[in-house]
All heavy atoms as atom14 arrays in JSON, in Angstrom:
{
  "sequence": "ISRDNAKNTVYLQMNTLRPEDTAMYYCAAQASWWCGT",
  "atom14_mask": [
    [1, 1, 1, 1, 1, 1, 1, 1, 0, 0, 0, 0, 0, 0],
    [1, 1, 1, 1, 1, 1, 0, 0, 0, 0, 0, 0, 0, 0],
    [1, 1, 1, 1, 1, 1, 1, 1, 1, 1, 1, 0, 0, 0],
    [1, 1, 1, 1, 1, 1, 1, 1, 0, 0, 0, 0, 0, 0],
    [1, 1, 1, 1, 1, 1, 1, 1, 0, 0, 0, 0, 0, 0],
    [1, 1, 1, 1, 1, 0, 0, 0, 0, 0, 0, 0, 0, 0],
    [1, 1, 1, 1, 1, 1, 1, 1, 1, 0, 0, 0, 0, 0],
    [1, 1, 1, 1, 1, 1, 1, 1, 0, 0, 0, 0, 0, 0],
    [1, 1, 1, 1, 1, 1, 1, 0, 0, 0, 0, 0, 0, 0],
    [1, 1, 1, 1, 1, 1, 1, 0, 0, 0, 0, 0, 0, 0],
    [1, 1, 1, 1, 1, 1, 1, 1, 1, 1, 1, 1, 0, 0],
    [1, 1, 1, 1, 1, 1, 1, 1, 0, 0, 0, 0, 0, 0],
    [1, 1, 1, 1, 1, 1, 1, 1, 1, 0, 0, 0, 0, 0],
    [1, 1, 1, 1, 1, 1, 1, 1, 0, 0, 0, 0, 0, 0],
    [1, 1, 1, 1, 1, 1, 1, 1, 0, 0, 0, 0, 0, 0],
    [1, 1, 1, 1, 1, 1, 1, 0, 0, 0, 0, 0, 0, 0],
    [1, 1, 1, 1, 1, 1, 1, 1, 0, 0, 0, 0, 0, 0],
    [1, 1, 1, 1, 1, 1, 1, 1, 1, 1, 1, 0, 0, 0],
    [1, 1, 1, 1, 1, 1, 1, 0, 0, 0, 0, 0, 0, 0],
    [1, 1, 1, 1, 1, 1, 1, 1, 1, 0, 0, 0, 0, 0],
    [1, 1, 1, 1, 1, 1, 1, 1, 0, 0, 0, 0, 0, 0],
    [1, 1, 1, 1, 1, 1, 1, 0, 0, 0, 0, 0, 0, 0],
    [1, 1, 1, 1, 1, 0, 0, 0, 0, 0, 0, 0, 0, 0],
    [1, 1, 1, 1, 1, 1, 1, 1, 0, 0, 0, 0, 0, 0],
    [1, 1, 1, 1, 1, 1, 1, 1, 1, 1, 1, 1, 0, 0],
    [1, 1, 1, 1, 1, 1, 1, 1, 1, 1, 1, 1, 0, 0],
    [1, 1, 1, 1, 1, 1, 0, 0, 0, 0, 0, 0, 0, 0],
    [1, 1, 1, 1, 1, 0, 0, 0, 0, 0, 0, 0, 0, 0],
    [1, 1, 1, 1, 1, 0, 0, 0, 0, 0, 0, 0, 0, 0],
    [1, 1, 1, 1, 1, 1, 1, 1, 1, 0, 0, 0, 0, 0],
    [1, 1, 1, 1, 1, 0, 0, 0, 0, 0, 0, 0, 0, 0],
    [1, 1, 1, 1, 1, 1, 0, 0, 0, 0, 0, 0, 0, 0],
    [1, 1, 1, 1, 1, 1, 1, 1, 1, 1, 1, 1, 1, 1],
    [1, 1, 1, 1, 1, 1, 1, 1, 1, 1, 1, 1, 1, 1],
    [1, 1, 1, 1, 1, 1, 0, 0, 0, 0, 0, 0, 0, 0],
    [1, 1, 1, 1, 0, 0, 0, 0, 0, 0, 0, 0, 0, 0],
    [1, 1, 1, 1, 1, 1, 1, 0, 0, 0, 0, 0, 0, 0]
  ],
  "atom14_positions": [
    [[34.47, -0.87, -19.29], [33.48, 0.16, -19.56], [34.05, 1.12, -20.59], [35.24, 1.44, -20.57], [33.06, 0.89, -18.26], [31.87, 1.82, -18.53], [34.23, 1.65, -17.65], [31.25, 2.39, -17.26], [0.0, 0.0, 0.0], [0.0, 0.0, 0.0], [0.0, 0.0, 0.0], [0.0, 0.0, 0.0], [0.0, 0.0, 0.0], [0.0, 0.0, 0.0]],
    [[33.21, 1.56, -21.49], [33.62, 2.52, -22.51], [32.43, 3.38, -22.88], [31.29, 3.07, -22.52], [34.19, 1.81, -23.74], [33.22, 0.98, -24.35], [0.0, 0.0, 0.0], [0.0, 0.0, 0.0], [0.0, 0.0, 0.0], [0.0, 0.0, 0.0], [0.0, 0.0, 0.0], [0.0, 0.0, 0.0], [0.0, 0.0, 0.0], [0.0, 0.0, 0.0]],
    [[32.69, 4.45, -23.6], [31.6, 5.3, -24.03], [31.9, 5.88, -25.4], [33.06, 6.11, -25.76], [31.32, 6.42, -23.02], [32.43, 7.45, -22.87], [32.2, 8.32, -21.63], [30.97, 9.1, -21.72], [30.36, 9.67, -20.68], [30.87, 9.53, -19.45], [29.24, 10.37, -20.86], [0.0, 0.0, 0.0], [0.0, 0.0, 0.0], [0.0, 0.0, 0.0]],
    [[30.84, 6.09, -26.14], [30.92, 6.75, -27.44], [29.98, 7.94, -27.35], [28.77, 7.81, -27.53], [30.51, 5.79, -28.55], [30.7, 6.39, -29.93], [30.76, 7.63, -30.05], [30.79, 5.61, -30.9], [0.0, 0.0, 0.0], [0.0, 0.0, 0.0], [0.0, 0.0, 0.0], [0.0, 0.0, 0.0], [0.0, 0.0, 0.0], [0.0, 0.0, 0.0]],
    [[30.55, 9.09, -27.05], [29.71, 10.26, -26.82], [29.01, 10.74, -28.09], [27.94, 11.35, -28.01], [30.54, 11.4, -26.22], [30.87, 11.16, -24.76], [30.28, 10.29, -24.11], [31.82, 11.92, -24.24], [0.0, 0.0, 0.0], [0.0, 0.0, 0.0], [0.0, 0.0, 0.0], [0.0, 0.0, 0.0], [0.0, 0.0, 0.0], [0.0, 0.0, 0.0]],
    [[29.58, 10.46, -29.24], [28.92, 10.82, -30.49], [27.63, 10.04, -30.67], [26.71, 10.5, -31.34], [29.84, 10.58, -31.68], [0.0, 0.0, 0.0], [0.0, 0.0, 0.0], [0.0, 0.0, 0.0], [0.0, 0.0, 0.0], [0.0, 0.0, 0.0], [0.0, 0.0, 0.0], [0.0, 0.0, 0.0], [0.0, 0.0, 0.0], [0.0, 0.0, 0.0]],
    [[27.56, 8.84, -30.08], [26.37, 8.0, -30.17], [25.53, 8.04, -28.91], [24.53, 7.34, -28.83], [26.77, 6.56, -30.47], [27.45, 6.37, -31.81], [27.79, 4.91, -32.05], [28.43, 4.71, -33.4], [28.8, 3.29, -33.63], [0.0, 0.0, 0.0], [0.0, 0.0, 0.0], [0.0, 0.0, 0.0], [0.0, 0.0, 0.0], [0.0, 0.0, 0.0]],
    [[25.94, 8.84, -27.94], [25.22, 8.91, -26.66], [25.03, 7.53, -26.05], [23.94, 7.18, -25.58], [23.88, 9.61, -26.83], [23.99, 11.12, -26.76], [25.07, 11.69, -26.89], [22.86, 11.78, -26.55], [0.0, 0.0, 0.0], [0.0, 0.0, 0.0], [0.0, 0.0, 0.0], [0.0, 0.0, 0.0], [0.0, 0.0, 0.0], [0.0, 0.0, 0.0]],
    [[26.09, 6.75, -26.05], [26.01, 5.37, -25.6], [27.2, 5.01, -24.72], [28.33, 5.39, -25.03], [25.93, 4.4, -26.78], [24.8, 4.74, -27.6], [25.77, 2.97, -26.31], [0.0, 0.0, 0.0], [0.0, 0.0, 0.0], [0.0, 0.0, 0.0], [0.0, 0.0, 0.0], [0.0, 0.0, 0.0], [0.0, 0.0, 0.0], [0.0, 0.0, 0.0]],
    [[26.93, 4.29, -23.66], [27.97, 3.72, -22.81], [27.85, 2.2, -22.88], [26.74, 1.67, -22.99], [27.89, 4.25, -21.37], [26.58, 3.85, -20.71], [29.08, 3.79, -20.55], [0.0, 0.0, 0.0], [0.0, 0.0, 0.0], [0.0, 0.0, 0.0], [0.0, 0.0, 0.0], [0.0, 0.0, 0.0], [0.0, 0.0, 0.0], [0.0, 0.0, 0.0]],
    [[28.97, 1.51, -22.81], [29.01, 0.07, -22.96], [29.66, -0.58, -21.75], [30.49, 0.02, -21.07], [29.81, -0.33, -24.2], [29.33, 0.29, -25.48], [29.92, 1.45, -25.97], [28.28, -0.27, -26.19], [29.48, 2.03, -27.14], [27.83, 0.31, -27.37], [28.44, 1.45, -27.83], [28.0, 2.03, -29.01], [0.0, 0.0, 0.0], [0.0, 0.0, 0.0]],
    [[29.29, -1.81, -21.52], [29.98, -2.65, -20.56], [30.27, -3.98, -21.23], [29.36, -4.79, -21.44], [29.16, -2.86, -19.29], [29.88, -3.61, -18.17], [31.03, -2.77, -17.61], [28.92, -4.0, -17.05], [0.0, 0.0, 0.0], [0.0, 0.0, 0.0], [0.0, 0.0, 0.0], [0.0, 0.0, 0.0], [0.0, 0.0, 0.0], [0.0, 0.0, 0.0]],
    [[31.52, -4.18, -21.6], [31.95, -5.45, -22.16], [32.29, -6.39, -21.02], [33.15, -6.08, -20.19], [33.17, -5.26, -23.06], [33.72, -6.55, -23.66], [32.77, -7.19, -24.64], [32.22, -6.5, -25.5], [32.56, -8.49, -24.52], [0.0, 0.0, 0.0], [0.0, 0.0, 0.0], [0.0, 0.0, 0.0], [0.0, 0.0, 0.0], [0.0, 0.0, 0.0]],
    [[31.63, -7.53, -20.98], [31.79, -8.49, -19.89], [32.35, -9.78, -20.47], [31.68, -10.45, -21.27], [30.46, -8.74, -19.19], [29.81, -7.47, -18.67], [28.29, -7.8, -17.72], [27.26, -8.47, -19.02], [0.0, 0.0, 0.0], [0.0, 0.0, 0.0], [0.0, 0.0, 0.0], [0.0, 0.0, 0.0], [0.0, 0.0, 0.0], [0.0, 0.0, 0.0]],
    [[33.54, -10.13, -20.07], [34.21, -11.34, -20.52], [34.38, -12.32, -19.36], [34.33, -11.93, -18.2], [35.57, -11.02, -21.13], [35.48, -10.15, -22.36], [34.53, -10.25, -23.13], [36.48, -9.3, -22.56], [0.0, 0.0, 0.0], [0.0, 0.0, 0.0], [0.0, 0.0, 0.0], [0.0, 0.0, 0.0], [0.0, 0.0, 0.0], [0.0, 0.0, 0.0]],
    [[34.64, -13.56, -19.7], [34.82, -14.64, -18.72], [33.8, -14.54, -17.6], [34.14, -14.51, -16.42], [36.26, -14.65, -18.16], [36.57, -13.39, -17.54], [37.27, -14.94, -19.26], [0.0, 0.0, 0.0], [0.0, 0.0, 0.0], [0.0, 0.0, 0.0], [0.0, 0.0, 0.0], [0.0, 0.0, 0.0], [0.0, 0.0, 0.0], [0.0, 0.0, 0.0]],
    [[32.55, -14.53, -18.0], [31.47, -14.38, -17.03], [31.4, -15.57, -16.08], [31.69, -16.71, -16.47], [30.15, -14.2, -17.75], [29.93, -12.79, -18.31], [28.87, -12.79, -19.39], [29.55, -11.83, -17.18], [0.0, 0.0, 0.0], [0.0, 0.0, 0.0], [0.0, 0.0, 0.0], [0.0, 0.0, 0.0], [0.0, 0.0, 0.0], [0.0, 0.0, 0.0]],
    [[31.01, -15.29, -14.87], [30.9, -16.28, -13.81], [29.49, -16.29, -13.26], [28.76, -15.3, -13.37], [31.87, -15.94, -12.68], [33.32, -15.81, -13.12], [34.15, -15.16, -12.02], [35.55, -15.03, -12.4], [36.43, -14.31, -11.73], [36.06, -13.66, -10.62], [37.68, -14.25, -12.15], [0.0, 0.0, 0.0], [0.0, 0.0, 0.0], [0.0, 0.0, 0.0]],
    [[29.07, -17.38, -12.62], [27.73, -17.41, -12.04], [27.48, -16.26, -11.06], [26.35, -15.76, -11.0], [27.69, -18.76, -11.33], [28.6, -19.62, -12.14], [29.73, -18.71, -12.55], [0.0, 0.0, 0.0], [0.0, 0.0, 0.0], [0.0, 0.0, 0.0], [0.0, 0.0, 0.0], [0.0, 0.0, 0.0], [0.0, 0.0, 0.0], [0.0, 0.0, 0.0]],
    [[28.48, -15.84, -10.33], [28.3, -14.74, -9.39], [28.07, -13.4, -10.06], [27.76, -12.41, -9.39], [29.48, -14.65, -8.42], [30.83, -14.55, -9.09], [31.55, -15.89, -9.18], [30.89, -16.9, -9.49], [32.77, -15.91, -8.95], [0.0, 0.0, 0.0], [0.0, 0.0, 0.0], [0.0, 0.0, 0.0], [0.0, 0.0, 0.0], [0.0, 0.0, 0.0]],
    [[28.24, -13.33, -11.38], [27.92, -12.12, -12.12], [26.43, -12.0, -12.41], [25.98, -10.97, -12.92], [28.69, -12.06, -13.44], [30.19, -11.96, -13.23], [30.62, -11.2, -12.35], [30.93, -12.63, -13.98], [0.0, 0.0, 0.0], [0.0, 0.0, 0.0], [0.0, 0.0, 0.0], [0.0, 0.0, 0.0], [0.0, 0.0, 0.0], [0.0, 0.0, 0.0]],
    [[25.67, -13.03, -12.13], [24.24, -13.01, -12.38], [23.57, -11.91, -11.56], [23.71, -11.86, -10.35], [23.62, -14.37, -12.03], [24.15, -15.37, -12.91], [22.11, -14.33, -12.18], [0.0, 0.0, 0.0], [0.0, 0.0, 0.0], [0.0, 0.0, 0.0], [0.0, 0.0, 0.0], [0.0, 0.0, 0.0], [0.0, 0.0, 0.0], [0.0, 0.0, 0.0]],
    [[22.86, -11.03, -12.24], [22.23, -9.89, -11.58], [21.45, -9.08, -12.61], [21.6, -9.28, -13.82], [23.27, -8.99, -10.91], [0.0, 0.0, 0.0], [0.0, 0.0, 0.0], [0.0, 0.0, 0.0], [0.0, 0.0, 0.0], [0.0, 0.0, 0.0], [0.0, 0.0, 0.0], [0.0, 0.0, 0.0], [0.0, 0.0, 0.0], [0.0, 0.0, 0.0]],
    [[20.64, -8.17, -12.1], [20.09, -7.13, -12.93], [21.13, -6.02, -13.02], [21.63, -5.55, -11.98], [18.78, -6.61, -12.36], [18.09, -5.57, -13.23], [17.33, -6.28, -14.7], [15.89, -7.08, -13.98], [0.0, 0.0, 0.0], [0.0, 0.0, 0.0], [0.0, 0.0, 0.0], [0.0, 0.0, 0.0], [0.0, 0.0, 0.0], [0.0, 0.0, 0.0]],
    [[21.45, -5.6, -14.22], [22.45, -4.57, -14.44], [21.77, -3.27, -14.82], [20.93, -3.23, -15.71], [23.43, -5.0, -15.53], [24.45, -5.99, -15.04], [24.09, -7.3, -14.76], [25.78, -5.61, -14.85], [25.01, -8.21, -14.3], [26.71, -6.52, -14.39], [26.33, -7.81, -14.12], [27.26, -8.72, -13.66], [0.0, 0.0, 0.0], [0.0, 0.0, 0.0]],
    [[22.17, -2.2, -14.14], [21.58, -0.88, -14.34], [22.63, 0.11, -14.82], [23.74, 0.16, -14.3], [20.99, -0.36, -13.03], [19.89, -1.19, -12.46], [20.17, -2.2, -11.54], [18.57, -0.97, -12.82], [19.15, -2.97, -11.01], [17.55, -1.74, -12.29], [17.85, -2.74, -11.39], [16.84, -3.5, -10.86], [0.0, 0.0, 0.0], [0.0, 0.0, 0.0]],
    [[22.24, 0.91, -15.76], [23.03, 2.04, -16.2], [22.6, 3.27, -15.41], [21.41, 3.44, -15.12], [22.81, 2.26, -17.7], [23.63, 3.7, -18.4], [0.0, 0.0, 0.0], [0.0, 0.0, 0.0], [0.0, 0.0, 0.0], [0.0, 0.0, 0.0], [0.0, 0.0, 0.0], [0.0, 0.0, 0.0], [0.0, 0.0, 0.0], [0.0, 0.0, 0.0]],
    [[23.55, 4.11, -15.04], [23.24, 5.3, -14.26], [24.13, 6.46, -14.68], [25.26, 6.26, -15.13], [23.42, 5.01, -12.77], [0.0, 0.0, 0.0], [0.0, 0.0, 0.0], [0.0, 0.0, 0.0], [0.0, 0.0, 0.0], [0.0, 0.0, 0.0], [0.0, 0.0, 0.0], [0.0, 0.0, 0.0], [0.0, 0.0, 0.0], [0.0, 0.0, 0.0]],
    [[23.6, 7.66, -14.5], [24.32, 8.88, -14.83], [24.49, 9.74, -13.59], [23.52, 10.01, -12.89], [23.59, 9.67, -15.91], [0.0, 0.0, 0.0], [0.0, 0.0, 0.0], [0.0, 0.0, 0.0], [0.0, 0.0, 0.0], [0.0, 0.0, 0.0], [0.0, 0.0, 0.0], [0.0, 0.0, 0.0], [0.0, 0.0, 0.0], [0.0, 0.0, 0.0]],
    [[25.7, 10.15, -13.34], [26.02, 11.06, -12.25], [26.15, 12.45, -12.83], [26.9, 12.66, -13.79], [27.32, 10.61, -11.58], [27.7, 11.4, -10.35], [28.96, 10.84, -9.69], [29.9, 11.61, -9.41], [29.0, 9.55, -9.44], [0.0, 0.0, 0.0], [0.0, 0.0, 0.0], [0.0, 0.0, 0.0], [0.0, 0.0, 0.0], [0.0, 0.0, 0.0]],
    [[25.44, 13.41, -12.26], [25.4, 14.76, -12.82], [26.66, 15.54, -12.46], [26.62, 16.57, -11.78], [24.15, 15.49, -12.34], [0.0, 0.0, 0.0], [0.0, 0.0, 0.0], [0.0, 0.0, 0.0], [0.0, 0.0, 0.0], [0.0, 0.0, 0.0], [0.0, 0.0, 0.0], [0.0, 0.0, 0.0], [0.0, 0.0, 0.0], [0.0, 0.0, 0.0]],
    [[27.79, 15.05, -12.94], [29.07, 15.71, -12.75], [30.03, 15.22, -13.82], [29.86, 14.14, -14.39], [29.63, 15.42, -11.35], [29.89, 14.04, -11.19], [0.0, 0.0, 0.0], [0.0, 0.0, 0.0], [0.0, 0.0, 0.0], [0.0, 0.0, 0.0], [0.0, 0.0, 0.0], [0.0, 0.0, 0.0], [0.0, 0.0, 0.0], [0.0, 0.0, 0.0]],
    [[31.04, 16.02, -14.1], [32.05, 15.65, -15.09], [32.89, 14.48, -14.62], [33.29, 13.63, -15.42], [32.97, 16.84, -15.37], [32.33, 17.97, -16.08], [31.77, 19.08, -15.52], [32.22, 18.13, -17.5], [31.3, 19.91, -16.5], [31.56, 19.36, -17.72], [32.61, 17.35, -18.59], [31.29, 19.83, -19.01], [32.33, 17.82, -19.87], [31.68, 19.05, -20.05]],
    [[33.16, 14.43, -13.32], [34.05, 13.43, -12.76], [33.26, 12.48, -11.88], [32.23, 12.82, -11.32], [35.17, 14.1, -11.95], [35.73, 15.31, -12.63], [35.63, 16.6, -12.21], [36.45, 15.33, -13.86], [36.26, 17.43, -13.1], [36.76, 16.69, -14.13], [36.86, 14.34, -14.77], [37.47, 17.07, -15.27], [37.55, 14.74, -15.9], [37.86, 16.07, -16.14]],
    [[33.78, 11.28, -11.75], [33.08, 10.22, -11.04], [33.46, 10.23, -9.56], [34.22, 9.38, -9.09], [33.38, 8.86, -11.66], [32.79, 8.67, -13.35], [0.0, 0.0, 0.0], [0.0, 0.0, 0.0], [0.0, 0.0, 0.0], [0.0, 0.0, 0.0], [0.0, 0.0, 0.0], [0.0, 0.0, 0.0], [0.0, 0.0, 0.0], [0.0, 0.0, 0.0]],
    [[32.91, 11.17, -8.84], [33.08, 11.15, -7.41], [32.2, 10.08, -6.79], [31.04, 9.92, -7.18], [0.0, 0.0, 0.0], [0.0, 0.0, 0.0], [0.0, 0.0, 0.0], [0.0, 0.0, 0.0], [0.0, 0.0, 0.0], [0.0, 0.0, 0.0], [0.0, 0.0, 0.0], [0.0, 0.0, 0.0], [0.0, 0.0, 0.0], [0.0, 0.0, 0.0]],
    [[32.74, 9.34, -5.83], [32.03, 8.23, -5.16], [31.25, 7.4, -6.18], [30.04, 7.18, -6.03], [31.1, 8.75, -4.04], [30.13, 9.66, -4.59], [31.91, 9.46, -2.97], [0.0, 0.0, 0.0], [0.0, 0.0, 0.0], [0.0, 0.0, 0.0], [0.0, 0.0, 0.0], [0.0, 0.0, 0.0], [0.0, 0.0, 0.0], [0.0, 0.0, 0.0]]
  ]
}
């Protein structure tokens, strides 16, 4: 996971994908500076 705050964009680079990675992927924002829980 990475982010480019100048572009207001977050990325998820996924390598060596497996069948168990199949899913709907959602982006989410937590209203805090730090990632609690």
